[in-house]
N, C-alpha and C. Protein backbone atom coordinates (compact mmCIF):
# COMPACT_ATOMS: atom_id res chain seq x y z
N MET A 1 -41.72 -3.50 -3.29
CA MET A 1 -40.54 -4.10 -2.70
C MET A 1 -40.99 -5.25 -1.82
N PRO A 2 -40.41 -6.44 -1.99
CA PRO A 2 -40.81 -7.58 -1.17
C PRO A 2 -40.47 -7.36 0.30
N VAL A 3 -41.32 -7.92 1.14
CA VAL A 3 -41.10 -7.84 2.57
C VAL A 3 -41.19 -9.23 3.18
N GLY A 4 -40.67 -9.35 4.38
CA GLY A 4 -40.79 -10.60 5.13
C GLY A 4 -40.18 -11.78 4.43
N LEU A 5 -40.96 -12.86 4.31
CA LEU A 5 -40.46 -14.10 3.73
C LEU A 5 -40.07 -13.95 2.26
N ALA A 6 -40.81 -13.13 1.53
CA ALA A 6 -40.48 -12.93 0.12
C ALA A 6 -39.09 -12.31 -0.02
N ARG A 7 -38.78 -11.36 0.83
CA ARG A 7 -37.47 -10.72 0.79
C ARG A 7 -36.38 -11.71 1.17
N THR A 8 -36.62 -12.49 2.22
CA THR A 8 -35.66 -13.51 2.64
C THR A 8 -35.41 -14.51 1.52
N ALA A 9 -36.49 -14.94 0.85
CA ALA A 9 -36.35 -15.88 -0.26
C ALA A 9 -35.53 -15.26 -1.39
N GLY A 10 -35.73 -13.97 -1.64
CA GLY A 10 -34.94 -13.29 -2.67
C GLY A 10 -33.46 -13.28 -2.34
N PHE A 11 -33.13 -13.00 -1.08
CA PHE A 11 -31.73 -13.02 -0.67
C PHE A 11 -31.14 -14.43 -0.75
N MET A 12 -31.93 -15.42 -0.41
CA MET A 12 -31.46 -16.81 -0.49
C MET A 12 -31.17 -17.18 -1.94
N GLY A 13 -32.04 -16.72 -2.86
CA GLY A 13 -31.81 -16.97 -4.28
C GLY A 13 -30.53 -16.32 -4.76
N LEU A 14 -30.30 -15.08 -4.34
CA LEU A 14 -29.07 -14.38 -4.70
C LEU A 14 -27.86 -15.10 -4.12
N ASN A 15 -27.96 -15.53 -2.87
CA ASN A 15 -26.88 -16.25 -2.22
C ASN A 15 -26.56 -17.54 -2.98
N ASN A 16 -27.59 -18.28 -3.39
CA ASN A 16 -27.37 -19.51 -4.15
C ASN A 16 -26.73 -19.22 -5.50
N TRP A 17 -27.16 -18.13 -6.15
CA TRP A 17 -26.58 -17.77 -7.43
C TRP A 17 -25.10 -17.44 -7.28
N LEU A 18 -24.76 -16.67 -6.23
CA LEU A 18 -23.35 -16.32 -6.00
C LEU A 18 -22.52 -17.57 -5.72
N LYS A 19 -23.07 -18.49 -4.95
CA LYS A 19 -22.34 -19.74 -4.68
C LYS A 19 -22.10 -20.50 -5.97
N THR A 20 -23.11 -20.53 -6.85
CA THR A 20 -22.97 -21.23 -8.12
C THR A 20 -21.88 -20.58 -8.98
N VAL A 21 -21.89 -19.26 -9.05
CA VAL A 21 -20.87 -18.54 -9.84
C VAL A 21 -19.48 -18.81 -9.27
N LEU A 22 -19.33 -18.73 -7.95
CA LEU A 22 -18.02 -18.97 -7.33
C LEU A 22 -17.56 -20.40 -7.54
N ASN A 23 -18.47 -21.36 -7.45
CA ASN A 23 -18.10 -22.76 -7.70
C ASN A 23 -17.65 -22.96 -9.15
N LYS A 24 -18.36 -22.32 -10.09
CA LYS A 24 -17.97 -22.43 -11.50
C LYS A 24 -16.61 -21.78 -11.74
N LEU A 25 -16.39 -20.62 -11.11
CA LEU A 25 -15.10 -19.95 -11.24
C LEU A 25 -13.99 -20.84 -10.69
N SER A 26 -14.22 -21.42 -9.55
CA SER A 26 -13.23 -22.30 -8.94
C SER A 26 -12.92 -23.48 -9.85
N ALA A 27 -13.97 -24.06 -10.45
CA ALA A 27 -13.77 -25.19 -11.34
C ALA A 27 -12.96 -24.78 -12.57
N VAL A 28 -13.27 -23.61 -13.12
CA VAL A 28 -12.54 -23.12 -14.30
C VAL A 28 -11.08 -22.91 -13.95
N LEU A 29 -10.83 -22.25 -12.82
CA LEU A 29 -9.46 -21.96 -12.43
C LEU A 29 -8.68 -23.22 -12.10
N THR A 30 -9.35 -24.23 -11.61
CA THR A 30 -8.68 -25.47 -11.26
C THR A 30 -8.27 -26.26 -12.50
N ARG A 31 -9.14 -26.29 -13.52
CA ARG A 31 -8.88 -27.17 -14.66
C ARG A 31 -8.10 -26.53 -15.79
N ARG A 32 -7.98 -25.21 -15.80
CA ARG A 32 -7.30 -24.55 -16.90
C ARG A 32 -5.89 -24.17 -16.52
N SER A 33 -4.98 -24.30 -17.44
CA SER A 33 -3.60 -23.96 -17.14
C SER A 33 -3.29 -22.55 -17.63
N GLY A 34 -2.36 -21.92 -16.97
CA GLY A 34 -1.95 -20.58 -17.37
C GLY A 34 -0.47 -20.41 -17.16
N GLU A 35 0.08 -19.37 -17.76
CA GLU A 35 1.49 -19.08 -17.59
C GLU A 35 1.63 -17.84 -16.74
N ILE A 36 2.64 -17.82 -15.92
CA ILE A 36 2.90 -16.63 -15.12
C ILE A 36 4.11 -15.93 -15.67
N GLY A 37 3.88 -14.79 -16.24
CA GLY A 37 4.92 -13.83 -16.45
C GLY A 37 5.84 -13.91 -17.63
N THR A 38 6.28 -15.05 -18.07
CA THR A 38 7.30 -15.08 -19.10
C THR A 38 6.75 -15.67 -20.38
N VAL A 39 6.86 -14.92 -21.46
CA VAL A 39 6.46 -15.38 -22.77
C VAL A 39 7.62 -15.09 -23.69
N GLY A 40 8.19 -16.14 -24.24
CA GLY A 40 9.37 -15.94 -25.08
C GLY A 40 10.48 -15.30 -24.28
N ARG A 41 11.01 -14.21 -24.79
CA ARG A 41 12.09 -13.53 -24.07
C ARG A 41 11.58 -12.35 -23.25
N HIS A 42 10.27 -12.15 -23.24
CA HIS A 42 9.68 -11.04 -22.49
C HIS A 42 9.25 -11.49 -21.10
N HIS A 43 9.46 -10.64 -20.14
CA HIS A 43 8.95 -10.90 -18.79
C HIS A 43 7.91 -9.83 -18.48
N TYR A 44 6.67 -10.26 -18.40
CA TYR A 44 5.56 -9.34 -18.13
C TYR A 44 5.24 -9.37 -16.65
N SER A 45 5.02 -8.21 -16.07
CA SER A 45 4.52 -8.20 -14.69
C SER A 45 3.35 -7.23 -14.55
N LEU A 46 3.34 -6.12 -15.29
CA LEU A 46 2.28 -5.12 -15.17
C LEU A 46 1.58 -4.93 -16.52
N LEU A 47 0.26 -4.94 -16.46
CA LEU A 47 -0.55 -4.81 -17.67
C LEU A 47 -1.59 -3.72 -17.48
N ALA A 48 -2.09 -3.19 -18.58
CA ALA A 48 -3.17 -2.20 -18.56
C ALA A 48 -4.19 -2.57 -19.61
N ARG A 49 -5.46 -2.44 -19.23
CA ARG A 49 -6.57 -2.64 -20.16
C ARG A 49 -7.25 -1.28 -20.30
N PHE A 50 -7.28 -0.76 -21.52
CA PHE A 50 -7.87 0.55 -21.74
C PHE A 50 -9.39 0.42 -21.83
N ILE A 51 -10.08 1.40 -21.25
CA ILE A 51 -11.54 1.40 -21.21
C ILE A 51 -12.03 2.59 -22.03
N PHE A 52 -12.86 2.29 -23.02
CA PHE A 52 -13.33 3.33 -23.93
C PHE A 52 -14.79 3.70 -23.71
N GLN A 53 -15.51 2.90 -22.96
CA GLN A 53 -16.92 3.18 -22.69
C GLN A 53 -17.08 3.61 -21.24
N GLU A 54 -17.73 4.73 -21.05
CA GLU A 54 -17.92 5.24 -19.69
C GLU A 54 -18.74 4.27 -18.84
N SER A 55 -19.60 3.49 -19.48
CA SER A 55 -20.42 2.54 -18.74
C SER A 55 -19.62 1.34 -18.22
N HIS A 56 -18.36 1.23 -18.62
CA HIS A 56 -17.51 0.12 -18.18
C HIS A 56 -16.65 0.46 -16.96
N CYS A 57 -16.92 1.60 -16.34
CA CYS A 57 -16.19 1.93 -15.12
C CYS A 57 -17.09 2.69 -14.16
N ARG A 58 -16.76 2.55 -12.89
CA ARG A 58 -17.51 3.21 -11.83
C ARG A 58 -16.58 4.23 -11.17
N LYS A 59 -17.00 5.49 -11.21
CA LYS A 59 -16.19 6.58 -10.68
C LYS A 59 -16.37 6.73 -9.17
N LYS A 60 -17.58 6.45 -8.69
CA LYS A 60 -17.87 6.63 -7.26
C LYS A 60 -17.07 5.62 -6.44
N ALA A 61 -16.72 6.04 -5.24
CA ALA A 61 -15.92 5.18 -4.36
C ALA A 61 -16.69 3.92 -4.00
N PRO A 62 -16.03 2.81 -4.08
CA PRO A 62 -14.67 2.64 -4.60
C PRO A 62 -14.68 2.59 -6.13
N ALA A 63 -13.86 3.42 -6.73
CA ALA A 63 -13.74 3.43 -8.19
C ALA A 63 -13.22 2.07 -8.65
N ALA A 64 -13.84 1.55 -9.70
CA ALA A 64 -13.45 0.22 -10.16
C ALA A 64 -13.93 0.00 -11.59
N PRO A 65 -13.23 -0.85 -12.33
CA PRO A 65 -13.75 -1.24 -13.64
C PRO A 65 -14.96 -2.15 -13.44
N LYS A 66 -15.85 -2.14 -14.41
CA LYS A 66 -16.99 -3.05 -14.39
C LYS A 66 -16.65 -4.26 -15.25
N PRO A 67 -17.31 -5.40 -15.00
CA PRO A 67 -16.96 -6.63 -15.74
C PRO A 67 -17.01 -6.49 -17.26
N GLY A 68 -17.89 -5.65 -17.78
CA GLY A 68 -17.96 -5.49 -19.22
C GLY A 68 -16.66 -5.02 -19.85
N ALA A 69 -15.82 -4.37 -19.06
CA ALA A 69 -14.53 -3.91 -19.56
C ALA A 69 -13.58 -5.07 -19.85
N PHE A 70 -13.87 -6.23 -19.30
CA PHE A 70 -12.97 -7.37 -19.46
C PHE A 70 -13.56 -8.52 -20.27
N LEU A 71 -14.76 -8.39 -20.76
CA LEU A 71 -15.36 -9.51 -21.49
C LEU A 71 -14.77 -9.58 -22.90
N PRO A 72 -14.41 -10.79 -23.35
CA PRO A 72 -13.84 -10.94 -24.69
C PRO A 72 -14.93 -10.88 -25.76
N GLY A 73 -14.51 -10.55 -26.96
CA GLY A 73 -15.44 -10.59 -28.09
C GLY A 73 -15.81 -12.04 -28.37
N PRO A 74 -17.04 -12.30 -28.76
CA PRO A 74 -17.47 -13.69 -28.97
C PRO A 74 -16.73 -14.41 -30.08
N SER A 75 -16.23 -13.70 -31.06
CA SER A 75 -15.55 -14.36 -32.16
C SER A 75 -14.06 -14.60 -31.88
N SER A 76 -13.45 -13.73 -31.07
CA SER A 76 -12.00 -13.84 -30.86
C SER A 76 -11.63 -14.55 -29.57
N LEU A 77 -12.48 -14.45 -28.55
CA LEU A 77 -12.19 -15.01 -27.23
C LEU A 77 -10.82 -14.56 -26.71
N LYS A 78 -10.55 -13.27 -26.87
CA LYS A 78 -9.35 -12.68 -26.30
C LYS A 78 -9.62 -11.21 -26.07
N ILE A 79 -8.83 -10.60 -25.18
CA ILE A 79 -8.93 -9.17 -24.96
C ILE A 79 -7.55 -8.55 -25.11
N SER A 80 -7.55 -7.32 -25.50
CA SER A 80 -6.34 -6.55 -25.75
C SER A 80 -5.86 -5.90 -24.45
N ALA A 81 -4.55 -5.83 -24.30
CA ALA A 81 -3.96 -5.15 -23.14
C ALA A 81 -2.61 -4.59 -23.56
N LEU A 82 -2.02 -3.85 -22.66
CA LEU A 82 -0.71 -3.25 -22.90
C LEU A 82 0.25 -3.71 -21.82
N TRP A 83 1.40 -4.19 -22.23
CA TRP A 83 2.47 -4.51 -21.28
C TRP A 83 3.08 -3.17 -20.90
N ARG A 84 2.93 -2.77 -19.63
CA ARG A 84 3.29 -1.41 -19.24
C ARG A 84 4.51 -1.31 -18.35
N ASP A 85 5.23 -2.39 -18.12
CA ASP A 85 6.45 -2.33 -17.31
C ASP A 85 7.38 -1.24 -17.84
N ALA A 86 7.91 -0.43 -16.94
CA ALA A 86 8.91 0.61 -17.22
C ALA A 86 8.41 1.75 -18.10
N LEU A 87 7.10 1.87 -18.31
CA LEU A 87 6.56 3.00 -19.05
C LEU A 87 6.13 4.10 -18.09
N THR A 88 6.23 5.33 -18.52
CA THR A 88 5.75 6.45 -17.71
C THR A 88 4.24 6.60 -17.94
N GLU A 89 3.58 7.36 -17.08
CA GLU A 89 2.14 7.60 -17.24
C GLU A 89 1.82 8.19 -18.61
N PRO A 90 2.52 9.24 -19.05
CA PRO A 90 2.21 9.77 -20.39
C PRO A 90 2.40 8.74 -21.50
N GLU A 91 3.41 7.90 -21.40
CA GLU A 91 3.63 6.87 -22.42
C GLU A 91 2.48 5.86 -22.44
N ILE A 92 1.97 5.50 -21.26
CA ILE A 92 0.85 4.56 -21.19
C ILE A 92 -0.39 5.17 -21.84
N TRP A 93 -0.72 6.42 -21.47
CA TRP A 93 -1.90 7.06 -22.04
C TRP A 93 -1.73 7.30 -23.55
N ASN A 94 -0.51 7.60 -24.01
CA ASN A 94 -0.28 7.75 -25.45
C ASN A 94 -0.55 6.44 -26.18
N ALA A 95 -0.15 5.33 -25.56
CA ALA A 95 -0.44 4.02 -26.15
C ALA A 95 -1.95 3.80 -26.21
N GLY A 96 -2.67 4.21 -25.17
CA GLY A 96 -4.13 4.10 -25.19
C GLY A 96 -4.75 4.93 -26.30
N ASP A 97 -4.18 6.10 -26.55
CA ASP A 97 -4.68 6.94 -27.64
C ASP A 97 -4.45 6.26 -28.99
N LEU A 98 -3.31 5.57 -29.14
CA LEU A 98 -3.05 4.83 -30.38
C LEU A 98 -4.07 3.71 -30.57
N VAL A 99 -4.37 2.99 -29.49
CA VAL A 99 -5.37 1.92 -29.56
C VAL A 99 -6.72 2.51 -29.93
N GLY A 100 -7.04 3.65 -29.37
CA GLY A 100 -8.34 4.27 -29.60
C GLY A 100 -8.54 4.88 -30.97
N ARG A 101 -7.47 5.15 -31.69
CA ARG A 101 -7.61 5.77 -33.01
C ARG A 101 -8.48 4.92 -33.93
N ALA A 102 -8.29 3.61 -33.89
CA ALA A 102 -9.08 2.72 -34.75
C ALA A 102 -10.56 2.78 -34.39
N ARG A 103 -10.87 3.10 -33.14
CA ARG A 103 -12.26 3.19 -32.68
C ARG A 103 -12.81 4.60 -32.81
N GLY A 104 -11.92 5.55 -33.06
CA GLY A 104 -12.33 6.94 -33.09
C GLY A 104 -12.65 7.48 -31.71
N LYS A 105 -12.03 6.89 -30.68
CA LYS A 105 -12.27 7.31 -29.29
C LYS A 105 -10.95 7.38 -28.53
N ARG A 106 -10.97 8.20 -27.49
CA ARG A 106 -9.87 8.21 -26.52
C ARG A 106 -10.30 7.37 -25.33
N PRO A 107 -9.36 6.68 -24.68
CA PRO A 107 -9.77 5.93 -23.48
C PRO A 107 -10.21 6.89 -22.38
N VAL A 108 -11.29 6.51 -21.68
CA VAL A 108 -11.78 7.32 -20.56
C VAL A 108 -11.12 6.88 -19.25
N ALA A 109 -10.58 5.66 -19.26
CA ALA A 109 -9.95 5.12 -18.05
C ALA A 109 -9.10 3.92 -18.48
N ARG A 110 -8.41 3.38 -17.48
CA ARG A 110 -7.70 2.13 -17.73
C ARG A 110 -7.72 1.32 -16.44
N ALA A 111 -7.64 0.03 -16.61
CA ALA A 111 -7.57 -0.88 -15.48
C ALA A 111 -6.16 -1.46 -15.46
N ASP A 112 -5.44 -1.20 -14.40
CA ASP A 112 -4.08 -1.73 -14.24
C ASP A 112 -4.14 -2.98 -13.37
N PHE A 113 -3.42 -4.00 -13.79
CA PHE A 113 -3.39 -5.25 -13.05
C PHE A 113 -2.07 -5.94 -13.32
N ASP A 114 -1.78 -6.98 -12.57
CA ASP A 114 -0.52 -7.67 -12.77
C ASP A 114 -0.75 -9.04 -13.38
N VAL A 115 0.33 -9.64 -13.80
CA VAL A 115 0.26 -10.93 -14.48
C VAL A 115 -0.20 -12.04 -13.54
N VAL A 116 -0.07 -11.84 -12.24
CA VAL A 116 -0.57 -12.83 -11.29
C VAL A 116 -2.09 -12.96 -11.43
N ALA A 117 -2.78 -11.85 -11.64
CA ALA A 117 -4.23 -11.89 -11.85
C ALA A 117 -4.57 -12.68 -13.10
N VAL A 118 -3.76 -12.54 -14.13
CA VAL A 118 -3.97 -13.29 -15.37
C VAL A 118 -3.80 -14.78 -15.12
N ALA A 119 -2.78 -15.13 -14.35
CA ALA A 119 -2.55 -16.52 -14.01
C ALA A 119 -3.68 -17.07 -13.16
N GLU A 120 -4.17 -16.28 -12.20
CA GLU A 120 -5.30 -16.72 -11.37
C GLU A 120 -6.53 -16.98 -12.23
N ALA A 121 -6.69 -16.20 -13.28
CA ALA A 121 -7.82 -16.38 -14.19
C ALA A 121 -7.58 -17.50 -15.19
N LYS A 122 -6.40 -18.09 -15.15
CA LYS A 122 -6.01 -19.17 -16.06
C LYS A 122 -6.05 -18.74 -17.53
N LEU A 123 -5.66 -17.49 -17.76
CA LEU A 123 -5.51 -16.97 -19.11
C LEU A 123 -4.03 -16.90 -19.43
N THR A 124 -3.71 -16.68 -20.68
CA THR A 124 -2.31 -16.54 -21.08
C THR A 124 -2.07 -15.16 -21.68
N VAL A 125 -0.85 -14.68 -21.54
CA VAL A 125 -0.43 -13.41 -22.13
C VAL A 125 0.28 -13.76 -23.44
N ASP A 126 -0.32 -13.34 -24.54
CA ASP A 126 0.25 -13.61 -25.86
C ASP A 126 0.71 -12.30 -26.49
N PRO A 127 2.02 -12.17 -26.75
CA PRO A 127 2.50 -10.94 -27.41
C PRO A 127 1.82 -10.77 -28.77
N ASP A 128 1.42 -9.55 -29.07
CA ASP A 128 0.79 -9.23 -30.35
C ASP A 128 1.28 -7.85 -30.77
N PRO A 129 2.61 -7.71 -30.99
CA PRO A 129 3.15 -6.39 -31.30
C PRO A 129 2.57 -5.84 -32.59
N GLN A 130 2.27 -4.55 -32.56
CA GLN A 130 1.77 -3.83 -33.72
C GLN A 130 2.89 -2.86 -34.15
N PRO A 131 2.90 -2.44 -35.39
CA PRO A 131 3.97 -1.53 -35.82
C PRO A 131 4.09 -0.29 -34.94
N ASP A 132 2.97 0.29 -34.56
CA ASP A 132 3.01 1.50 -33.73
C ASP A 132 2.78 1.19 -32.25
N LEU A 133 2.61 -0.07 -31.90
CA LEU A 133 2.34 -0.46 -30.52
C LEU A 133 3.05 -1.78 -30.20
N PRO A 134 4.38 -1.73 -30.02
CA PRO A 134 5.14 -2.96 -29.83
C PRO A 134 4.84 -3.69 -28.52
N ARG A 135 4.20 -3.03 -27.55
CA ARG A 135 3.90 -3.66 -26.27
C ARG A 135 2.47 -4.20 -26.18
N HIS A 136 1.81 -4.30 -27.30
CA HIS A 136 0.45 -4.83 -27.31
C HIS A 136 0.47 -6.33 -27.03
N VAL A 137 -0.43 -6.79 -26.17
CA VAL A 137 -0.58 -8.21 -25.87
C VAL A 137 -2.06 -8.56 -25.90
N ASN A 138 -2.34 -9.84 -26.05
CA ASN A 138 -3.70 -10.35 -25.93
C ASN A 138 -3.76 -11.29 -24.75
N LEU A 139 -4.86 -11.23 -24.01
CA LEU A 139 -5.12 -12.21 -22.96
C LEU A 139 -6.02 -13.26 -23.60
N SER A 140 -5.48 -14.45 -23.74
CA SER A 140 -6.15 -15.53 -24.46
C SER A 140 -6.45 -16.69 -23.54
N GLY A 141 -7.21 -17.63 -24.09
CA GLY A 141 -7.54 -18.83 -23.34
C GLY A 141 -8.89 -18.74 -22.63
N TRP A 142 -9.74 -17.83 -23.10
CA TRP A 142 -11.05 -17.66 -22.48
C TRP A 142 -11.94 -18.86 -22.79
N PRO A 143 -12.75 -19.26 -21.83
CA PRO A 143 -13.70 -20.35 -22.09
C PRO A 143 -14.83 -19.87 -23.02
N ASN A 144 -15.54 -20.79 -23.61
CA ASN A 144 -16.66 -20.45 -24.48
C ASN A 144 -17.90 -20.06 -23.70
N ALA A 145 -18.10 -20.64 -22.53
CA ALA A 145 -19.31 -20.41 -21.75
C ALA A 145 -19.35 -18.99 -21.20
N LYS A 146 -20.45 -18.29 -21.46
CA LYS A 146 -20.59 -16.89 -21.06
C LYS A 146 -20.50 -16.71 -19.55
N ASP A 147 -21.09 -17.63 -18.76
CA ASP A 147 -21.03 -17.48 -17.30
C ASP A 147 -19.62 -17.64 -16.78
N GLU A 148 -18.82 -18.50 -17.42
CA GLU A 148 -17.41 -18.65 -17.04
C GLU A 148 -16.63 -17.39 -17.40
N GLN A 149 -16.93 -16.78 -18.56
CA GLN A 149 -16.28 -15.53 -18.96
C GLN A 149 -16.60 -14.43 -17.95
N LYS A 150 -17.86 -14.35 -17.53
CA LYS A 150 -18.25 -13.33 -16.56
C LYS A 150 -17.54 -13.53 -15.23
N ALA A 151 -17.37 -14.78 -14.82
CA ALA A 151 -16.67 -15.05 -13.56
C ALA A 151 -15.21 -14.60 -13.65
N ILE A 152 -14.58 -14.85 -14.78
CA ILE A 152 -13.19 -14.41 -14.97
C ILE A 152 -13.12 -12.88 -15.02
N ALA A 153 -14.08 -12.25 -15.71
CA ALA A 153 -14.12 -10.78 -15.76
C ALA A 153 -14.26 -10.19 -14.36
N LEU A 154 -15.09 -10.81 -13.52
CA LEU A 154 -15.23 -10.36 -12.13
C LEU A 154 -13.92 -10.48 -11.37
N LEU A 155 -13.21 -11.56 -11.59
CA LEU A 155 -11.91 -11.75 -10.93
C LEU A 155 -10.93 -10.67 -11.37
N LEU A 156 -10.86 -10.40 -12.67
CA LEU A 156 -9.94 -9.37 -13.16
C LEU A 156 -10.33 -7.99 -12.63
N CYS A 157 -11.63 -7.72 -12.52
CA CYS A 157 -12.09 -6.45 -11.92
C CYS A 157 -11.59 -6.32 -10.49
N ALA A 158 -11.73 -7.41 -9.75
CA ALA A 158 -11.34 -7.38 -8.34
C ALA A 158 -9.83 -7.19 -8.17
N ARG A 159 -9.04 -7.64 -9.14
CA ARG A 159 -7.59 -7.55 -9.05
C ARG A 159 -7.02 -6.30 -9.73
N SER A 160 -7.90 -5.44 -10.26
CA SER A 160 -7.46 -4.27 -11.00
C SER A 160 -7.60 -3.00 -10.18
N VAL A 161 -6.81 -2.02 -10.58
CA VAL A 161 -6.92 -0.66 -10.05
C VAL A 161 -7.37 0.21 -11.21
N LEU A 162 -8.44 0.97 -11.00
CA LEU A 162 -8.96 1.84 -12.04
C LEU A 162 -8.27 3.19 -11.98
N LEU A 163 -7.79 3.64 -13.13
CA LEU A 163 -7.20 4.98 -13.25
C LEU A 163 -8.03 5.75 -14.25
N LEU A 164 -8.67 6.80 -13.78
CA LEU A 164 -9.52 7.61 -14.64
C LEU A 164 -8.70 8.65 -15.38
N ARG A 165 -9.06 8.86 -16.60
CA ARG A 165 -8.43 9.92 -17.37
C ARG A 165 -9.06 11.24 -16.96
N GLU A 166 -8.29 12.30 -17.00
CA GLU A 166 -8.84 13.61 -16.68
C GLU A 166 -10.05 13.89 -17.54
N ASN A 167 -11.07 14.48 -16.93
CA ASN A 167 -12.32 14.86 -17.61
C ASN A 167 -13.14 13.67 -18.10
N SER A 168 -12.96 12.48 -17.51
CA SER A 168 -13.80 11.35 -17.91
C SER A 168 -15.12 11.42 -17.16
N ASP A 169 -16.14 10.81 -17.72
CA ASP A 169 -17.47 10.87 -17.13
C ASP A 169 -17.95 9.48 -16.71
N CYS A 170 -17.05 8.66 -16.21
CA CYS A 170 -17.48 7.34 -15.72
C CYS A 170 -18.49 7.56 -14.60
N ILE A 171 -19.48 6.67 -14.53
CA ILE A 171 -20.53 6.83 -13.53
C ILE A 171 -20.29 5.98 -12.30
C-alpha cells in the first residue's frame, strides 16, 4: 500500500480522473437534447429498469444499482425499461418476469427512476410496446463513446432507487 507522497499522488490522480469524467458528463448533457415526459399520447413519469445480474446491484447500505445495470448494448445503444405509472408492485414484478423469460432468468432487483433523470441524461423515452408487454420503452440517444456512456450510467444510478426482489443475492 502506498504511503506518504505516493499515496497523495494516487489521490490526486483519482481526483483528476473524477474531474475529467464530470467535465465530460457536463459536456454531454449540455450538447445533447432530450424530451421530458411526453411521447406521443403517453405521459411518462416513472420508469423501472429490471436487473438480472446480481453483480449489477449492491445490497449493502446504501443499496444501489451499479453502473453496469444501465450500460447499453454496443450494437443497439439503447436500454430497456418499463413505464410503471399506475402499476401495483405485483404488476411491475410480473412485467419483469415477462422480460426475463427470454433470458431464462427472473429479475433479482429493479432500479426505479423518473423521467427527469432521463432528461438530465439527455436520453429519450421511446415507446416499444410488445404484445405481452405494452408498457415497454427504450431509453435511446446514447453516445458512442464508452466513457460518456459510463458517465450517464453513473447519473442514472445516482437518480435511481434500488428495490431488491425477495431472496435476491445482490452483493
